[in-house]
Amino acid sequence: MSDRAAVEVPESIGIRLRRDPDDEIEVVVWTGGWADVGYLLDGEVTDLCPEFQDVDGAYAAVVNNVEDFLAKACVTS
């Protein structure tokens, strides 16, 4: 286990959202200007790598991908 107190400048943040056991999205936003997005929906895996220039772009990358995932999850339910 790593000592999180030793981290001076975080380089990423991750979130995982699970709608049910079969529908899940994971987003990791990196300070370098990109995010790794992966979601599992009805047994199908989708991987994306949106890029952004600033904090607003990072926010939009997360919100847009989560909203897209939730919309698709509602359609398939």
Protein backbone atom coordinates (compact mmCIF):
# COMPACT_ATOMS: atom_id res chain seq x y z
CA MET A 1 0.00 0.00 0.00
CA SER A 2 1.37 3.44 -0.91
CA ASP A 3 1.53 6.43 1.42
CA ARG A 4 -0.86 8.98 -0.09
CA ALA A 5 0.50 11.69 2.18
CA ALA A 6 3.75 11.52 0.20
CA VAL A 7 2.00 12.67 -3.01
CA GLU A 8 2.92 16.30 -3.64
CA VAL A 9 1.10 16.86 -6.93
CA PRO A 10 -1.62 14.40 -7.93
CA GLU A 11 -1.52 13.40 -11.59
CA SER A 12 -4.90 11.76 -11.98
CA ILE A 13 -8.30 11.25 -10.47
CA GLY A 14 -10.60 8.33 -11.11
CA ILE A 15 -14.26 7.60 -10.66
CA ARG A 16 -16.32 4.47 -11.15
CA LEU A 17 -20.08 4.49 -11.56
CA ARG A 18 -22.06 1.30 -11.51
CA ARG A 19 -25.67 1.35 -12.63
CA ASP A 20 -26.14 -2.35 -11.91
CA PRO A 21 -23.82 -5.37 -11.92
CA ASP A 22 -23.71 -5.42 -15.74
CA ASP A 23 -23.42 -1.68 -16.52
CA GLU A 24 -20.37 0.21 -15.31
CA ILE A 25 -18.22 3.18 -16.35
CA GLU A 26 -14.74 4.08 -15.15
CA VAL A 27 -13.11 7.43 -15.91
CA VAL A 28 -9.53 8.43 -15.08
CA VAL A 29 -8.64 12.04 -15.83
CA TRP A 30 -4.92 12.79 -16.24
CA THR A 31 -3.28 16.20 -15.77
CA GLY A 32 -1.52 15.73 -19.12
CA GLY A 33 -4.73 16.58 -20.98
CA TRP A 34 -6.52 13.30 -21.57
CA ALA A 35 -8.87 10.87 -19.89
CA ASP A 36 -9.15 7.11 -20.06
CA VAL A 37 -12.81 6.12 -20.25
CA GLY A 38 -14.03 2.58 -20.28
CA TYR A 39 -17.49 1.26 -19.92
CA LEU A 40 -19.19 -2.09 -19.83
CA LEU A 41 -22.74 -2.07 -21.13
CA ASP A 42 -24.71 -5.27 -21.77
CA GLY A 43 -21.48 -7.27 -21.89
CA GLU A 44 -19.84 -4.97 -24.46
CA VAL A 45 -16.70 -3.03 -23.53
CA THR A 46 -16.09 0.46 -24.94
CA ASP A 47 -12.77 2.30 -24.49
CA LEU A 48 -12.34 6.01 -25.23
CA CYS A 49 -9.54 8.53 -24.75
CA PRO A 50 -10.94 12.08 -24.87
CA GLU A 51 -8.42 14.92 -24.86
CA PHE A 52 -8.81 18.38 -23.36
CA GLN A 53 -6.86 21.60 -22.86
CA ASP A 54 -7.95 22.88 -19.44
CA VAL A 55 -10.08 22.23 -16.37
CA ASP A 56 -13.30 23.08 -18.22
CA GLY A 57 -12.37 20.59 -20.91
CA ALA A 58 -11.64 17.91 -18.31
CA TYR A 59 -15.01 18.56 -16.67
CA ALA A 60 -16.77 18.34 -20.04
CA ALA A 61 -14.98 15.07 -20.87
CA VAL A 62 -16.24 13.48 -17.65
CA VAL A 63 -19.78 14.86 -17.82
CA ASN A 64 -20.29 14.09 -21.51
CA ASN A 65 -19.06 10.51 -21.20
CA VAL A 66 -21.05 9.79 -18.04
CA GLU A 67 -24.21 11.27 -19.58
CA ASP A 68 -23.65 9.22 -22.75
CA PHE A 69 -23.18 6.06 -20.70
CA LEU A 70 -26.31 6.70 -18.62
CA ALA A 71 -28.39 7.44 -21.73
CA LYS A 72 -27.26 4.20 -23.38
CA ALA A 73 -27.80 2.25 -20.15
CA CYS A 74 -31.38 3.51 -19.89
CA VAL A 75 -32.13 2.54 -23.48
CA THR A 76 -30.87 -1.00 -23.04
CA SER A 77 -32.66 -1.59 -19.73
